[in-house]
């Protein structure tokens, strides 16, 4: 198998080719790359000789990619863009300003996003990247310094863990939904309401059966209702007046305070677990990551 070096002796020619193809001009590529037009033309010519095909069609006062050139340009563009992003990430890490936080979509949407203006004001020097996933990521394997996890510290022996919020759960609905139905006077009254269930596919999560069971109601009485496997969609359905769902206090408190959601009943399910910021024991945190961790811990549960 031929090596890339034997196929394309000069990697710099790929950068020249990408610019010339994107701009459809050797002159414009030369200006962008701070080269002479003759140097661009020479680099393209050498690349065509190395590959054994014409990459450009030379026309009067313009050039355009040939069919083969267009196919090759698409692949080169993808490859160089990946290299560029990786190089940018490495430089950001080297300067200590780049920090990735892995968390659920729900935590990102309802906890982090309402606080982003405050974050930028408090830590303007930090380049924060929020990485969401439908399951908990291997932070050490992925090279991610910080994550948010629900559970107890004993669940993650390979990580340091400090609590951001305790797990407190109560029913919520929209004002519009409440206007169309009889407000529940006691927990058992919710059995007659349209319940929205979170069917969490990868993470452990409390259910309506847990909530009713905590007040002495047989879980077998709980109606099935609407099943949704994404908490962001659960809350959106509640906002649209589709029914009643369980609200995790650290996520919905801000929406309740704004009147977007209404809290129902005084009963709160407390599981004894919590939501923690975690970081690998084997990987020391950068100064910026320490700042982000400390900032997360300093925030209250309300939005």
C-alpha atoms as a PDB file:
ATOM      1  CA  UNK A   1       0.000   0.000   0.000  1.00  0.00           C
ATOM      2  CA  UNK A   2       1.406   3.353  -1.032  1.00  0.00           C
ATOM      3  CA  UNK A   3       2.103   5.792   1.744  1.00  0.00           C
ATOM      4  CA  UNK A   4       0.548   9.246   1.751  1.00  0.00           C
ATOM      5  CA  UNK A   5       4.033  10.754   1.552  1.00  0.00           C
ATOM      6  CA  UNK A   6       4.747   8.887  -1.694  1.00  0.00           C
ATOM      7  CA  UNK A   7       1.398   9.942  -3.182  1.00  0.00           C
ATOM      8  CA  UNK A   8       1.629  13.570  -2.060  1.00  0.00           C
ATOM      9  CA  UNK A   9       5.272  14.458  -1.314  1.00  0.00           C
ATOM     10  CA  UNK A  10       4.359  17.991  -0.196  1.00  0.00           C
ATOM     11  CA  UNK A  11       1.557  18.250   2.376  1.00  0.00           C
ATOM     12  CA  UNK A  12       1.614  21.991   1.893  1.00  0.00           C
ATOM     13  CA  UNK A  13       0.291  21.512  -1.630  1.00  0.00           C
ATOM     14  CA  UNK A  14      -2.987  20.241  -0.139  1.00  0.00           C
ATOM     15  CA  UNK A  15      -3.476  23.531   1.707  1.00  0.00           C
ATOM     16  CA  UNK A  16      -2.825  25.419  -1.536  1.00  0.00           C
ATOM     17  CA  UNK A  17      -5.179  23.121  -3.449  1.00  0.00           C
ATOM     18  CA  UNK A  18      -7.980  23.565  -0.877  1.00  0.00           C
ATOM     19  CA  UNK A  19      -7.749  27.360  -1.078  1.00  0.00           C
ATOM     20  CA  UNK A  20      -7.549  27.472  -4.862  1.00  0.00           C
ATOM     21  CA  UNK A  21     -10.500  25.101  -5.232  1.00  0.00           C
ATOM     22  CA  UNK A  22     -12.608  26.957  -2.704  1.00  0.00           C
ATOM     23  CA  UNK A  23     -11.889  30.349  -4.270  1.00  0.00           C
ATOM     24  CA  UNK A  24     -11.780  29.141  -7.923  1.00  0.00           C
ATOM     25  CA  UNK A  25      -8.754  31.356  -8.375  1.00  0.00           C
ATOM     26  CA  UNK A  26      -5.000  30.903  -8.113  1.00  0.00           C
ATOM     27  CA  UNK A  27      -4.612  34.652  -7.593  1.00  0.00           C
ATOM     28  CA  UNK A  28      -7.126  34.790  -4.725  1.00  0.00           C
ATOM     29  CA  UNK A  29      -5.539  31.723  -3.141  1.00  0.00           C
ATOM     30  CA  UNK A  30      -2.142  33.391  -3.349  1.00  0.00           C
ATOM     31  CA  UNK A  31      -3.470  36.486  -1.608  1.00  0.00           C
ATOM     32  CA  UNK A  32      -5.105  34.433   1.162  1.00  0.00           C
ATOM     33  CA  UNK A  33      -1.990  32.314   1.731  1.00  0.00           C
ATOM     34  CA  UNK A  34       0.464  35.216   1.344  1.00  0.00           C
ATOM     35  CA  UNK A  35       2.163  33.552  -1.609  1.00  0.00           C
ATOM     36  CA  UNK A  36       2.813  34.620  -5.178  1.00  0.00           C
ATOM     37  CA  UNK A  37       0.446  33.520  -7.916  1.00  0.00           C
ATOM     38  CA  UNK A  38       3.353  31.720  -9.580  1.00  0.00           C
ATOM     39  CA  UNK A  39       4.040  29.737  -6.376  1.00  0.00           C
ATOM     40  CA  UNK A  40       0.392  28.645  -6.170  1.00  0.00           C
ATOM     41  CA  UNK A  41       0.376  27.627  -9.838  1.00  0.00           C
ATOM     42  CA  UNK A  42       3.606  25.662  -9.330  1.00  0.00           C
ATOM     43  CA  UNK A  43       2.241  23.862  -6.220  1.00  0.00           C
ATOM     44  CA  UNK A  44      -0.933  22.869  -8.045  1.00  0.00           C
ATOM     45  CA  UNK A  45       1.032  21.689 -11.043  1.00  0.00           C
ATOM     46  CA  UNK A  46       3.285  19.511  -8.868  1.00  0.00           C
ATOM     47  CA  UNK A  47       0.246  18.032  -7.136  1.00  0.00           C
ATOM     48  CA  UNK A  48      -1.363  17.189 -10.465  1.00  0.00           C
ATOM     49  CA  UNK A  49       1.867  15.543 -11.626  1.00  0.00           C
ATOM     50  CA  UNK A  50       2.117  13.509  -8.398  1.00  0.00           C
ATOM     51  CA  UNK A  51      -1.498  12.321  -8.703  1.00  0.00           C
ATOM     52  CA  UNK A  52      -1.413  11.836 -12.453  1.00  0.00           C
ATOM     53  CA  UNK A  53      -4.567  13.783 -13.277  1.00  0.00           C
ATOM     54  CA  UNK A  54      -5.750  17.333 -13.900  1.00  0.00           C
ATOM     55  CA  UNK A  55      -7.373  18.862 -10.839  1.00  0.00           C
ATOM     56  CA  UNK A  56      -8.321  22.152 -12.482  1.00  0.00           C
ATOM     57  CA  UNK A  57      -9.647  23.233 -15.859  1.00  0.00           C
ATOM     58  CA  UNK A  58      -7.746  26.354 -16.923  1.00  0.00           C
ATOM     59  CA  UNK A  59     -10.064  28.782 -18.678  1.00  0.00           C
ATOM     60  CA  UNK A  60      -9.695  32.384 -19.778  1.00  0.00           C
ATOM     61  CA  UNK A  61      -9.033  34.445 -16.651  1.00  0.00           C
ATOM     62  CA  UNK A  62     -10.407  31.749 -14.336  1.00  0.00           C
ATOM     63  CA  UNK A  63      -9.894  28.190 -13.174  1.00  0.00           C
ATOM     64  CA  UNK A  64     -12.406  25.648 -11.983  1.00  0.00           C
ATOM     65  CA  UNK A  65     -12.161  22.187 -10.503  1.00  0.00           C
ATOM     66  CA  UNK A  66     -12.307  19.251 -12.865  1.00  0.00           C
ATOM     67  CA  UNK A  67     -14.611  16.353 -12.020  1.00  0.00           C
ATOM     68  CA  UNK A  68     -11.726  14.478 -10.404  1.00  0.00           C
ATOM     69  CA  UNK A  69     -10.564  17.669  -8.723  1.00  0.00           C
ATOM     70  CA  UNK A  70     -14.000  18.285  -7.212  1.00  0.00           C
ATOM     71  CA  UNK A  71     -14.095  14.806  -5.667  1.00  0.00           C
ATOM     72  CA  UNK A  72     -10.577  15.170  -4.298  1.00  0.00           C
ATOM     73  CA  UNK A  73     -11.305  18.695  -3.019  1.00  0.00           C
ATOM     74  CA  UNK A  74     -14.286  17.472  -0.983  1.00  0.00           C
ATOM     75  CA  UNK A  75     -12.117  14.886   0.786  1.00  0.00           C
ATOM     76  CA  UNK A  76      -9.202  17.265   1.301  1.00  0.00           C
ATOM     77  CA  UNK A  77     -11.545  19.884   2.770  1.00  0.00           C
ATOM     78  CA  UNK A  78     -12.943  17.394   5.294  1.00  0.00           C
ATOM     79  CA  UNK A  79      -9.490  16.180   6.269  1.00  0.00           C
ATOM     80  CA  UNK A  80      -7.994  19.639   6.685  1.00  0.00           C
ATOM     81  CA  UNK A  81     -11.018  20.888   8.641  1.00  0.00           C
ATOM     82  CA  UNK A  82     -10.597  18.029  11.119  1.00  0.00           C
ATOM     83  CA  UNK A  83      -6.916  18.826  11.476  1.00  0.00           C
ATOM     84  CA  UNK A  84      -7.689  22.528  11.921  1.00  0.00           C
ATOM     85  CA  UNK A  85     -10.246  21.909  14.668  1.00  0.00           C
ATOM     86  CA  UNK A  86      -7.907  19.510  16.458  1.00  0.00           C
ATOM     87  CA  UNK A  87      -5.045  22.010  16.261  1.00  0.00           C
ATOM     88  CA  UNK A  88      -7.301  24.772  17.602  1.00  0.00           C
ATOM     89  CA  UNK A  89      -8.365  22.554  20.515  1.00  0.00           C
ATOM     90  CA  UNK A  90      -4.750  21.691  21.311  1.00  0.00           C
ATOM     91  CA  UNK A  91      -3.730  25.339  21.252  1.00  0.00           C
ATOM     92  CA  UNK A  92      -6.645  26.261  23.514  1.00  0.00           C
ATOM     93  CA  UNK A  93      -5.670  23.537  25.966  1.00  0.00           C
ATOM     94  CA  UNK A  94      -2.026  24.641  25.834  1.00  0.00           C
ATOM     95  CA  UNK A  95      -3.004  28.191  26.708  1.00  0.00           C
ATOM     96  CA  UNK A  96      -5.156  26.887  29.553  1.00  0.00           C
ATOM     97  CA  UNK A  97      -8.377  28.586  28.447  1.00  0.00           C
ATOM     98  CA  UNK A  98     -10.266  25.656  26.923  1.00  0.00           C
ATOM     99  CA  UNK A  99     -12.519  23.543  29.194  1.00  0.00           C
ATOM    100  CA  UNK A 100     -15.024  20.849  28.194  1.00  0.00           C
ATOM    101  CA  UNK A 101     -17.961  19.973  30.449  1.00  0.00           C
ATOM    102  CA  UNK A 102     -19.838  16.735  29.727  1.00  0.00           C
ATOM    103  CA  UNK A 103     -23.453  16.599  30.894  1.00  0.00           C
ATOM    104  CA  UNK A 104     -26.961  15.566  29.922  1.00  0.00           C
ATOM    105  CA  UNK A 105     -28.970  17.647  27.466  1.00  0.00           C
ATOM    106  CA  UNK A 106     -31.406  18.478  30.265  1.00  0.00           C
ATOM    107  CA  UNK A 107     -28.669  19.823  32.550  1.00  0.00           C
ATOM    108  CA  UNK A 108     -27.244  21.857  29.683  1.00  0.00           C
ATOM    109  CA  UNK A 109     -30.645  23.280  28.693  1.00  0.00           C
ATOM    110  CA  UNK A 110     -32.177  23.989  32.101  1.00  0.00           C
ATOM    111  CA  UNK A 111     -29.182  24.501  34.403  1.00  0.00           C
ATOM    112  CA  UNK A 112     -26.244  25.755  32.344  1.00  0.00           C
ATOM    113  CA  UNK A 113     -27.901  27.831  29.619  1.00  0.00           C
ATOM    114  CA  UNK A 114     -29.826  30.094  32.074  1.00  0.00           C
ATOM    115  CA  UNK A 115     -26.504  30.762  33.812  1.00  0.00           C
ATOM    116  CA  UNK A 116     -24.314  31.366  30.764  1.00  0.00           C
ATOM    117  CA  UNK A 117     -24.452  35.155  30.963  1.00  0.00           C
ATOM    118  CA  UNK A 118     -23.290  34.902  34.578  1.00  0.00           C
ATOM    119  CA  UNK A 119     -20.591  32.418  33.578  1.00  0.00           C
ATOM    120  CA  UNK A 120     -19.208  34.713  30.873  1.00  0.00           C
ATOM    121  CA  UNK A 121     -19.235  37.624  33.315  1.00  0.00           C
ATOM    122  CA  UNK A 122     -17.465  35.653  36.055  1.00  0.00           C
ATOM    123  CA  UNK A 123     -15.007  33.706  33.864  1.00  0.00           C
ATOM    124  CA  UNK A 124     -14.502  35.722  30.666  1.00  0.00           C
ATOM    125  CA  UNK A 125     -11.100  34.131  30.082  1.00  0.00           C
ATOM    126  CA  UNK A 126     -12.483  30.584  29.835  1.00  0.00           C
ATOM    127  CA  UNK A 127     -13.457  29.011  26.507  1.00  0.00           C
ATOM    128  CA  UNK A 128     -16.207  26.626  27.690  1.00  0.00           C
ATOM    129  CA  UNK A 129     -17.404  23.734  25.559  1.00  0.00           C
ATOM    130  CA  UNK A 130     -20.541  21.890  26.712  1.00  0.00           C
ATOM    131  CA  UNK A 131     -20.663  18.337  25.382  1.00  0.00           C
ATOM    132  CA  UNK A 132     -23.991  16.546  25.765  1.00  0.00           C
ATOM    133  CA  UNK A 133     -24.645  12.852  25.303  1.00  0.00           C
ATOM    134  CA  UNK A 134     -27.517  10.444  25.918  1.00  0.00           C
ATOM    135  CA  UNK A 135     -25.276   8.382  28.202  1.00  0.00           C
ATOM    136  CA  UNK A 136     -22.468   9.164  30.639  1.00  0.00           C
ATOM    137  CA  UNK A 137     -19.114   9.501  28.889  1.00  0.00           C
ATOM    138  CA  UNK A 138     -15.756   8.054  29.894  1.00  0.00           C
ATOM    139  CA  UNK A 139     -14.138  11.352  30.811  1.00  0.00           C
ATOM    140  CA  UNK A 140     -10.608   9.989  31.055  1.00  0.00           C
ATOM    141  CA  UNK A 141     -10.885   8.068  27.788  1.00  0.00           C
ATOM    142  CA  UNK A 142     -12.429  11.048  25.994  1.00  0.00           C
ATOM    143  CA  UNK A 143      -9.951  13.540  27.428  1.00  0.00           C
ATOM    144  CA  UNK A 144     -12.733  15.547  29.114  1.00  0.00           C
ATOM    145  CA  UNK A 145     -11.822  17.246  32.407  1.00  0.00           C
ATOM    146  CA  UNK A 146     -15.263  17.768  33.973  1.00  0.00           C
ATOM    147  CA  UNK A 147     -18.633  16.051  33.969  1.00  0.00           C
ATOM    148  CA  UNK A 148     -22.008  16.233  35.706  1.00  0.00           C
ATOM    149  CA  UNK A 149     -23.404  12.960  37.062  1.00  0.00           C
ATOM    150  CA  UNK A 150     -26.494  12.022  39.026  1.00  0.00           C
ATOM    151  CA  UNK A 151     -26.102   9.513  41.845  1.00  0.00           C
ATOM    152  CA  UNK A 152     -23.719   9.118  44.785  1.00  0.00           C
ATOM    153  CA  UNK A 153     -19.909   9.526  44.888  1.00  0.00           C
ATOM    154  CA  UNK A 154     -19.520   5.798  45.595  1.00  0.00           C
ATOM    155  CA  UNK A 155     -20.887   5.170  42.091  1.00  0.00           C
ATOM    156  CA  UNK A 156     -17.729   6.665  40.536  1.00  0.00           C
ATOM    157  CA  UNK A 157     -14.671   5.395  42.448  1.00  0.00           C
ATOM    158  CA  UNK A 158     -12.302   6.561  39.692  1.00  0.00           C
ATOM    159  CA  UNK A 159     -13.505  10.170  39.995  1.00  0.00           C
ATOM    160  CA  UNK A 160     -13.446  12.975  42.512  1.00  0.00           C
ATOM    161  CA  UNK A 161     -17.014  14.176  43.110  1.00  0.00           C
ATOM    162  CA  UNK A 162     -18.612  17.186  44.779  1.00  0.00           C
ATOM    163  CA  UNK A 163     -22.343  17.889  44.968  1.00  0.00           C
ATOM    164  CA  UNK A 164     -23.921  20.615  42.861  1.00  0.00           C
ATOM    165  CA  UNK A 165     -27.532  19.920  43.905  1.00  0.00           C
ATOM    166  CA  UNK A 166     -29.506  17.375  45.886  1.00  0.00           C
ATOM    167  CA  UNK A 167     -32.162  15.287  44.127  1.00  0.00           C
ATOM    168  CA  UNK A 168     -35.583  16.734  44.957  1.00  0.00           C
ATOM    169  CA  UNK A 169     -38.577  15.859  42.774  1.00  0.00           C
ATOM    170  CA  UNK A 170     -42.126  17.210  42.627  1.00  0.00           C
ATOM    171  CA  UNK A 171     -44.930  17.330  39.999  1.00  0.00           C
ATOM    172  CA  UNK A 172     -45.160  20.267  37.607  1.00  0.00           C
ATOM    173  CA  UNK A 173     -47.548  21.381  34.875  1.00  0.00           C
ATOM    174  CA  UNK A 174     -48.234  24.510  32.852  1.00  0.00           C
ATOM    175  CA  UNK A 175     -50.630  27.267  33.883  1.00  0.00           C
ATOM    176  CA  UNK A 176     -52.660  26.530  30.761  1.00  0.00           C
ATOM    177  CA  UNK A 177     -53.072  22.888  31.696  1.00  0.00           C
ATOM    178  CA  UNK A 178     -54.067  23.799  35.255  1.00  0.00           C
ATOM    179  CA  UNK A 179     -56.724  26.202  33.957  1.00  0.00           C
ATOM    180  CA  UNK A 180     -58.401  23.334  32.071  1.00  0.00           C
ATOM    181  CA  UNK A 181     -58.555  20.845  34.935  1.00  0.00           C
ATOM    182  CA  UNK A 182     -59.227  20.479  38.644  1.00  0.00           C
ATOM    183  CA  UNK A 183     -56.084  21.230  40.706  1.00  0.00           C
ATOM    184  CA  UNK A 184     -55.056  18.254  42.844  1.00  0.00           C
ATOM    185  CA  UNK A 185     -55.859  18.695  46.531  1.00  0.00           C
ATOM    186  CA  UNK A 186     -53.730  15.700  47.551  1.00  0.00           C
ATOM    187  CA  UNK A 187     -51.172  13.450  45.843  1.00  0.00           C
ATOM    188  CA  UNK A 188     -53.703  10.714  45.081  1.00  0.00           C
ATOM    189  CA  UNK A 189     -55.693  13.171  42.930  1.00  0.00           C
ATOM    190  CA  UNK A 190     -52.853  13.144  40.396  1.00  0.00           C
ATOM    191  CA  UNK A 191     -53.776   9.584  39.432  1.00  0.00           C
ATOM    192  CA  UNK A 192     -56.662  11.090  37.450  1.00  0.00           C
ATOM    193  CA  UNK A 193     -54.409  13.489  35.559  1.00  0.00           C
ATOM    194  CA  UNK A 194     -52.545  13.108  32.275  1.00  0.00           C
ATOM    195  CA  UNK A 195     -49.144  11.913  33.466  1.00  0.00           C
ATOM    196  CA  UNK A 196     -46.015  12.270  31.333  1.00  0.00           C
ATOM    197  CA  UNK A 197     -43.353   9.666  32.052  1.00  0.00           C
ATOM    198  CA  UNK A 198     -39.604   9.912  31.481  1.00  0.00           C
ATOM    199  CA  UNK A 199     -38.360   6.627  30.037  1.00  0.00           C
ATOM    200  CA  UNK A 200     -34.638   7.184  30.639  1.00  0.00           C
ATOM    201  CA  UNK A 201     -32.815   4.743  28.324  1.00  0.00           C
ATOM    202  CA  UNK A 202     -29.293   4.913  29.787  1.00  0.00           C
ATOM    203  CA  UNK A 203     -29.281   6.762  33.113  1.00  0.00           C
ATOM    204  CA  UNK A 204     -31.098   5.729  36.277  1.00  0.00           C
ATOM    205  CA  UNK A 205     -33.980   8.091  37.078  1.00  0.00           C
ATOM    206  CA  UNK A 206     -36.852   8.208  39.564  1.00  0.00           C
ATOM    207  CA  UNK A 207     -40.304   7.456  38.158  1.00  0.00           C
ATOM    208  CA  UNK A 208     -43.906   8.271  38.904  1.00  0.00           C
ATOM    209  CA  UNK A 209     -44.164   4.887  40.648  1.00  0.00           C
ATOM    210  CA  UNK A 210     -41.356   5.986  42.979  1.00  0.00           C
ATOM    211  CA  UNK A 211     -43.072   9.300  43.672  1.00  0.00           C
ATOM    212  CA  UNK A 212     -46.500   7.772  44.402  1.00  0.00           C
ATOM    213  CA  UNK A 213     -44.927   4.942  46.385  1.00  0.00           C
ATOM    214  CA  UNK A 214     -43.251   7.486  48.669  1.00  0.00           C
ATOM    215  CA  UNK A 215     -46.705   8.753  49.754  1.00  0.00           C
ATOM    216  CA  UNK A 216     -48.081   5.270  50.299  1.00  0.00           C
ATOM    217  CA  UNK A 217     -49.944   4.846  47.013  1.00  0.00           C
ATOM    218  CA  UNK A 218     -49.720   1.439  45.330  1.00  0.00           C
ATOM    219  CA  UNK A 219     -47.468   1.925  42.260  1.00  0.00           C
ATOM    220  CA  UNK A 220     -49.719  -0.460  40.339  1.00  0.00           C
ATOM    221  CA  UNK A 221     -52.385   2.261  40.313  1.00  0.00           C
ATOM    222  CA  UNK A 222     -50.176   4.649  38.332  1.00  0.00           C
ATOM    223  CA  UNK A 223     -51.580   5.125  34.794  1.00  0.00           C
ATOM    224  CA  UNK A 224     -49.144   4.590  31.940  1.00  0.00           C
ATOM    225  CA  UNK A 225     -49.727   7.938  30.194  1.00  0.00           C
ATOM    226  CA  UNK A 226     -47.337   9.484  27.677  1.00  0.00           C
ATOM    227  CA  UNK A 227     -43.830   7.962  27.535  1.00  0.00           C
ATOM    228  CA  UNK A 228     -40.882  10.151  26.409  1.00  0.00           C
ATOM    229  CA  UNK A 229     -37.197   9.159  26.544  1.00  0.00           C
ATOM    230  CA  UNK A 230     -35.709  12.672  26.667  1.00  0.00           C
ATOM    231  CA  UNK A 231     -36.238  15.003  29.627  1.00  0.00           C
ATOM    232  CA  UNK A 232     -35.986  18.147  27.524  1.00  0.00           C
ATOM    233  CA  UNK A 233     -38.935  16.858  25.479  1.00  0.00           C
ATOM    234  CA  UNK A 234     -40.758  15.934  28.677  1.00  0.00           C
ATOM    235  CA  UNK A 235     -40.534  19.528  29.904  1.00  0.00           C
ATOM    236  CA  UNK A 236     -41.455  20.897  26.485  1.00  0.00           C
ATOM    237  CA  UNK A 237     -44.564  18.703  26.496  1.00  0.00           C
ATOM    238  CA  UNK A 238     -45.472  20.043  29.935  1.00  0.00           C
ATOM    239  CA  UNK A 239     -44.997  23.637  28.779  1.00  0.00           C
ATOM    240  CA  UNK A 240     -47.296  22.905  25.827  1.00  0.00           C
ATOM    241  CA  UNK A 241     -50.002  21.767  28.267  1.00  0.00           C
ATOM    242  CA  UNK A 242     -49.857  18.062  27.473  1.00  0.00           C
ATOM    243  CA  UNK A 243     -49.979  16.944  31.104  1.00  0.00           C
ATOM    244  CA  UNK A 244     -48.109  16.648  34.396  1.00  0.00           C
ATOM    245  CA  UNK A 245     -44.509  15.468  34.767  1.00  0.00           C
ATOM    246  CA  UNK A 246     -41.992  15.035  37.533  1.00  0.00           C
ATOM    247  CA  UNK A 247     -39.806  18.081  37.956  1.00  0.00           C
ATOM    248  CA  UNK A 248     -36.249  17.826  39.220  1.00  0.00           C
ATOM    249  CA  UNK A 249     -35.886  20.918  41.399  1.00  0.00           C
ATOM    250  CA  UNK A 250     -32.410  21.937  40.228  1.00  0.00           C
ATOM    251  CA  UNK A 251     -33.660  21.888  36.617  1.00  0.00           C
ATOM    252  CA  UNK A 252     -37.187  23.329  36.872  1.00  0.00           C
ATOM    253  CA  UNK A 253     -36.896  25.809  39.773  1.00  0.00           C
ATOM    254  CA  UNK A 254     -36.082  28.640  37.388  1.00  0.00           C
ATOM    255  CA  UNK A 255     -39.081  27.840  35.166  1.00  0.00           C
ATOM    256  CA  UNK A 256     -41.341  27.693  38.217  1.00  0.00           C
ATOM    257  CA  UNK A 257     -40.020  31.041  39.451  1.00  0.00           C
ATOM    258  CA  UNK A 258     -40.792  32.595  36.044  1.00  0.00           C
ATOM    259  CA  UNK A 259     -44.313  31.131  35.966  1.00  0.00           C
ATOM    260  CA  UNK A 260     -43.575  28.942  32.948  1.00  0.00           C
ATOM    261  CA  UNK A 261     -44.280  25.902  35.106  1.00  0.00           C
ATOM    262  CA  UNK A 262     -46.512  25.460  38.151  1.00  0.00           C
ATOM    263  CA  UNK A 263     -45.574  23.222  41.056  1.00  0.00           C
ATOM    264  CA  UNK A 264     -48.326  20.830  42.209  1.00  0.00           C
ATOM    265  CA  UNK A 265     -48.721  19.413  45.778  1.00  0.00           C
ATOM    266  CA  UNK A 266     -46.368  19.942  48.691  1.00  0.00           C
ATOM    267  CA  UNK A 267     -44.925  16.428  48.575  1.00  0.00           C
ATOM    268  CA  UNK A 268     -41.276  16.285  47.495  1.00  0.00           C
ATOM    269  CA  UNK A 269     -39.524  13.025  46.739  1.00  0.00           C
ATOM    270  CA  UNK A 270     -35.983  13.163  48.132  1.00  0.00           C
ATOM    271  CA  UNK A 271     -33.842  10.222  47.073  1.00  0.00           C
ATOM    272  CA  UNK A 272     -30.748  10.929  49.152  1.00  0.00           C
ATOM    273  CA  UNK A 273     -28.769  11.150  45.933  1.00  0.00           C
ATOM    274  CA  UNK A 274     -27.570  14.245  44.154  1.00  0.00           C
ATOM    275  CA  UNK A 275     -25.990  15.758  41.086  1.00  0.00           C
ATOM    276  CA  UNK A 276     -22.245  16.124  41.211  1.00  0.00           C
ATOM    277  CA  UNK A 277     -19.420  17.700  39.294  1.00  0.00           C
ATOM    278  CA  UNK A 278     -16.833  14.971  38.778  1.00  0.00           C
ATOM    279  CA  UNK A 279     -13.264  14.883  37.453  1.00  0.00           C
ATOM    280  CA  UNK A 280     -10.860  11.961  36.907  1.00  0.00           C
ATOM    281  CA  UNK A 281      -8.487  11.158  39.760  1.00  0.00           C
ATOM    282  CA  UNK A 282      -5.779  10.232  37.255  1.00  0.00           C
ATOM    283  CA  UNK A 283      -5.800  13.527  35.341  1.00  0.00           C
ATOM    284  CA  UNK A 284      -4.878  16.798  37.089  1.00  0.00           C
ATOM    285  CA  UNK A 285      -7.116  19.731  36.244  1.00  0.00           C
ATOM    286  CA  UNK A 286      -5.857  22.829  34.473  1.00  0.00           C
ATOM    287  CA  UNK A 287      -6.250  26.161  36.224  1.00  0.00           C
ATOM    288  CA  UNK A 288      -9.187  27.001  33.942  1.00  0.00           C
ATOM    289  CA  UNK A 289     -10.897  23.653  34.672  1.00  0.00           C
ATOM    290  CA  UNK A 290     -10.482  24.278  38.409  1.00  0.00           C
ATOM    291  CA  UNK A 291     -12.107  27.674  37.937  1.00  0.00           C
ATOM    292  CA  UNK A 292     -15.058  26.116  36.092  1.00  0.00           C
ATOM    293  CA  UNK A 293     -15.440  23.406  38.757  1.00  0.00           C
ATOM    294  CA  UNK A 294     -15.427  25.966  41.554  1.00  0.00           C
ATOM    295  CA  UNK A 295     -17.877  28.163  39.654  1.00  0.00           C
ATOM    296  CA  UNK A 296     -20.287  25.242  39.217  1.00  0.00           C
ATOM    297  CA  UNK A 297     -20.125  24.454  42.916  1.00  0.00           C
ATOM    298  CA  UNK A 298     -20.800  28.077  43.844  1.00  0.00           C
ATOM    299  CA  UNK A 299     -24.106  28.233  41.965  1.00  0.00           C
ATOM    300  CA  UNK A 300     -27.473  27.774  43.646  1.00  0.00           C
ATOM    301  CA  UNK A 301     -30.154  25.386  42.325  1.00  0.00           C
ATOM    302  CA  UNK A 302     -32.446  28.132  41.030  1.00  0.00           C
ATOM    303  CA  UNK A 303     -31.989  29.545  37.518  1.00  0.00           C
END
